Amino acid sequence: MTFRSLATAALLGLCASTAMLPAVAQTSDDPSMSVPAYRTWQSDWNTNQFDHKHVILGTVSDFKPFRLTVTRKNGMTQTVDLKNGTVIFPSGMTPTLNQPVALVGYYSNGTFIANRVVLHQ
């Protein structure tokens, strides 16, 4: 066997073993990639059951462009800055005072980053 054929066989073996790596090893560490794709109000949210890592539930206390303040069930008020690109569902609606709302996103260095705002009608 020549050196060239040995090198080719080794390269093919390396490619095959890399393709067999688990999907976890090939995914991004970006937290925004793991955010649930909620676009509608979930029935579990009515009983205060939700993913505390990716969802904030409350009622709208104040809404201004790029800023939403919610009052949570425990009485805590939290203001969340909405980034350019944050989508409000249902489309075309605007958050109104005392409306139930779910902010869907992720925490980054202690700050909640909202990707979506889901309003309860």
C-alpha atoms as a PDB file:
ATOM      1  CA  MET A   1       0.000   0.000   0.000  1.00  0.00           C
ATOM      2  CA  THR A   2       1.403   3.396  -0.920  1.00  0.00           C
ATOM      3  CA  PHE A   3       1.616   6.442   1.288  1.00  0.00           C
ATOM      4  CA  ARG A   4      -0.974   8.179  -0.876  1.00  0.00           C
ATOM      5  CA  SER A   5      -3.547   5.410  -0.404  1.00  0.00           C
ATOM      6  CA  LEU A   6      -2.864   5.324   3.361  1.00  0.00           C
ATOM      7  CA  ALA A   7      -3.372   9.094   3.594  1.00  0.00           C
ATOM      8  CA  THR A   8      -6.605   8.855   1.597  1.00  0.00           C
ATOM      9  CA  ALA A   9      -7.920   6.059   3.828  1.00  0.00           C
ATOM     10  CA  ALA A  10      -7.065   8.043   6.969  1.00  0.00           C
ATOM     11  CA  LEU A  11      -8.805  11.144   5.625  1.00  0.00           C
ATOM     12  CA  LEU A  12     -11.930   9.177   4.733  1.00  0.00           C
ATOM     13  CA  GLY A  13     -11.965   7.608   8.208  1.00  0.00           C
ATOM     14  CA  LEU A  14     -11.670  11.023   9.841  1.00  0.00           C
ATOM     15  CA  CYS A  15     -14.543  12.411   7.753  1.00  0.00           C
ATOM     16  CA  ALA A  16     -16.743   9.421   8.570  1.00  0.00           C
ATOM     17  CA  SER A  17     -16.064   9.631  12.309  1.00  0.00           C
ATOM     18  CA  THR A  18     -16.733  13.404  12.380  1.00  0.00           C
ATOM     19  CA  ALA A  19     -20.087  12.908  10.677  1.00  0.00           C
ATOM     20  CA  MET A  20     -21.044  10.460  13.440  1.00  0.00           C
ATOM     21  CA  LEU A  21     -20.651  13.048  16.240  1.00  0.00           C
ATOM     22  CA  PRO A  22     -23.838  13.596  18.240  1.00  0.00           C
ATOM     23  CA  ALA A  23     -25.993  16.535  17.161  1.00  0.00           C
ATOM     24  CA  VAL A  24     -25.357  18.263  20.492  1.00  0.00           C
ATOM     25  CA  ALA A  25     -21.712  18.663  19.612  1.00  0.00           C
ATOM     26  CA  GLN A  26     -22.695  20.395  16.390  1.00  0.00           C
ATOM     27  CA  THR A  27     -25.235  22.901  17.744  1.00  0.00           C
ATOM     28  CA  SER A  28     -24.724  26.544  18.656  1.00  0.00           C
ATOM     29  CA  ASP A  29     -24.267  27.816  22.213  1.00  0.00           C
ATOM     30  CA  ASP A  30     -26.389  30.873  21.333  1.00  0.00           C
ATOM     31  CA  PRO A  31     -29.239  30.969  23.926  1.00  0.00           C
ATOM     32  CA  SER A  32     -31.590  32.640  21.438  1.00  0.00           C
ATOM     33  CA  MET A  33     -31.502  29.461  19.339  1.00  0.00           C
ATOM     34  CA  SER A  34     -33.199  27.424  22.095  1.00  0.00           C
ATOM     35  CA  VAL A  35     -36.159  29.757  22.651  1.00  0.00           C
ATOM     36  CA  PRO A  36     -39.545  28.002  22.199  1.00  0.00           C
ATOM     37  CA  ALA A  37     -41.445  29.103  19.090  1.00  0.00           C
ATOM     38  CA  TYR A  38     -44.632  30.161  20.901  1.00  0.00           C
ATOM     39  CA  ARG A  39     -46.813  32.380  18.715  1.00  0.00           C
ATOM     40  CA  THR A  40     -50.177  31.834  20.421  1.00  0.00           C
ATOM     41  CA  TRP A  41     -51.394  31.879  24.007  1.00  0.00           C
ATOM     42  CA  GLN A  42     -50.821  28.476  25.664  1.00  0.00           C
ATOM     43  CA  SER A  43     -53.602  27.040  27.847  1.00  0.00           C
ATOM     44  CA  ASP A  44     -51.097  26.106  30.614  1.00  0.00           C
ATOM     45  CA  TRP A  45     -50.303  29.789  31.014  1.00  0.00           C
ATOM     46  CA  ASN A  46     -53.836  30.324  32.378  1.00  0.00           C
ATOM     47  CA  THR A  47     -52.868  28.218  35.417  1.00  0.00           C
ATOM     48  CA  ASN A  48     -49.433  29.857  35.713  1.00  0.00           C
ATOM     49  CA  GLN A  49     -47.561  26.802  34.407  1.00  0.00           C
ATOM     50  CA  PHE A  50     -44.751  27.868  32.120  1.00  0.00           C
ATOM     51  CA  ASP A  51     -41.070  27.560  31.227  1.00  0.00           C
ATOM     52  CA  HIS A  52     -39.439  29.999  33.676  1.00  0.00           C
ATOM     53  CA  LYS A  53     -36.227  30.089  31.610  1.00  0.00           C
ATOM     54  CA  HIS A  54     -37.911  31.370  28.454  1.00  0.00           C
ATOM     55  CA  VAL A  55     -41.245  32.945  29.406  1.00  0.00           C
ATOM     56  CA  ILE A  56     -42.366  35.821  31.621  1.00  0.00           C
ATOM     57  CA  LEU A  57     -46.116  35.953  32.343  1.00  0.00           C
ATOM     58  CA  GLY A  58     -47.980  38.953  33.642  1.00  0.00           C
ATOM     59  CA  THR A  59     -50.347  41.760  32.794  1.00  0.00           C
ATOM     60  CA  VAL A  60     -49.419  44.867  30.864  1.00  0.00           C
ATOM     61  CA  SER A  61     -48.717  47.804  33.205  1.00  0.00           C
ATOM     62  CA  ASP A  62     -47.275  50.117  30.555  1.00  0.00           C
ATOM     63  CA  PHE A  63     -46.339  49.956  26.895  1.00  0.00           C
ATOM     64  CA  LYS A  64     -44.191  52.343  24.907  1.00  0.00           C
ATOM     65  CA  PRO A  65     -42.272  51.673  21.712  1.00  0.00           C
ATOM     66  CA  PHE A  66     -39.463  49.230  22.518  1.00  0.00           C
ATOM     67  CA  ARG A  67     -40.457  49.001  26.207  1.00  0.00           C
ATOM     68  CA  LEU A  68     -43.062  46.847  27.945  1.00  0.00           C
ATOM     69  CA  THR A  69     -43.739  46.802  31.675  1.00  0.00           C
ATOM     70  CA  VAL A  70     -45.539  43.786  33.127  1.00  0.00           C
ATOM     71  CA  THR A  71     -46.863  43.024  36.584  1.00  0.00           C
ATOM     72  CA  ARG A  72     -46.304  39.402  37.500  1.00  0.00           C
ATOM     73  CA  LYS A  73     -48.644  37.222  39.558  1.00  0.00           C
ATOM     74  CA  ASN A  74     -46.456  37.751  42.662  1.00  0.00           C
ATOM     75  CA  GLY A  75     -46.915  41.540  42.337  1.00  0.00           C
ATOM     76  CA  MET A  76     -43.407  42.187  41.024  1.00  0.00           C
ATOM     77  CA  THR A  77     -43.256  44.747  38.207  1.00  0.00           C
ATOM     78  CA  GLN A  78     -40.656  44.234  35.506  1.00  0.00           C
ATOM     79  CA  THR A  79     -39.756  46.447  32.570  1.00  0.00           C
ATOM     80  CA  VAL A  80     -38.402  44.675  29.515  1.00  0.00           C
ATOM     81  CA  ASP A  81     -36.771  46.438  26.595  1.00  0.00           C
ATOM     82  CA  LEU A  82     -37.986  45.130  23.257  1.00  0.00           C
ATOM     83  CA  LYS A  83     -35.348  44.914  20.572  1.00  0.00           C
ATOM     84  CA  ASN A  84     -35.769  45.822  16.936  1.00  0.00           C
ATOM     85  CA  GLY A  85     -37.241  42.625  15.535  1.00  0.00           C
ATOM     86  CA  THR A  86     -39.284  41.584  18.580  1.00  0.00           C
ATOM     87  CA  VAL A  87     -42.592  40.344  17.159  1.00  0.00           C
ATOM     88  CA  ILE A  88     -46.003  40.879  18.799  1.00  0.00           C
ATOM     89  CA  PHE A  89     -48.623  38.143  18.345  1.00  0.00           C
ATOM     90  CA  PRO A  90     -51.367  38.177  17.214  1.00  0.00           C
ATOM     91  CA  SER A  91     -49.919  40.280  14.416  1.00  0.00           C
ATOM     92  CA  GLY A  92     -51.223  43.822  14.266  1.00  0.00           C
ATOM     93  CA  MET A  93     -52.236  43.972  17.936  1.00  0.00           C
ATOM     94  CA  THR A  94     -50.857  46.439  20.461  1.00  0.00           C
ATOM     95  CA  PRO A  95     -50.472  45.597  24.169  1.00  0.00           C
ATOM     96  CA  THR A  96     -53.118  47.354  26.265  1.00  0.00           C
ATOM     97  CA  LEU A  97     -53.285  48.126  29.984  1.00  0.00           C
ATOM     98  CA  ASN A  98     -54.127  45.071  32.162  1.00  0.00           C
ATOM     99  CA  GLN A  99     -53.992  42.661  29.213  1.00  0.00           C
ATOM    100  CA  PRO A 100     -52.459  39.239  29.998  1.00  0.00           C
ATOM    101  CA  VAL A 101     -49.139  38.899  28.212  1.00  0.00           C
ATOM    102  CA  ALA A 102     -46.339  36.374  27.768  1.00  0.00           C
ATOM    103  CA  LEU A 103     -42.854  37.534  26.922  1.00  0.00           C
ATOM    104  CA  VAL A 104     -40.934  34.783  25.147  1.00  0.00           C
ATOM    105  CA  GLY A 105     -37.155  34.982  25.053  1.00  0.00           C
ATOM    106  CA  TYR A 106     -34.118  34.257  27.175  1.00  0.00           C
ATOM    107  CA  TYR A 107     -31.953  35.684  29.946  1.00  0.00           C
ATOM    108  CA  SER A 108     -28.540  37.064  29.035  1.00  0.00           C
ATOM    109  CA  ASN A 109     -26.325  38.329  31.865  1.00  0.00           C
ATOM    110  CA  GLY A 110     -29.378  38.883  34.076  1.00  0.00           C
ATOM    111  CA  THR A 111     -31.369  40.780  31.435  1.00  0.00           C
ATOM    112  CA  PHE A 112     -34.414  39.244  29.755  1.00  0.00           C
ATOM    113  CA  ILE A 113     -34.263  39.513  25.961  1.00  0.00           C
ATOM    114  CA  ALA A 114     -37.764  39.248  24.444  1.00  0.00           C
ATOM    115  CA  ASN A 115     -37.991  37.704  20.973  1.00  0.00           C
ATOM    116  CA  ARG A 116     -41.781  37.585  20.978  1.00  0.00           C
ATOM    117  CA  VAL A 117     -44.698  39.107  22.842  1.00  0.00           C
ATOM    118  CA  VAL A 118     -47.810  36.919  22.951  1.00  0.00           C
ATOM    119  CA  LEU A 119     -51.017  38.697  23.931  1.00  0.00           C
ATOM    120  CA  HIS A 120     -54.035  36.930  25.411  1.00  0.00           C
ATOM    121  CA  GLN A 121     -57.274  38.021  23.785  1.00  0.00           C
END
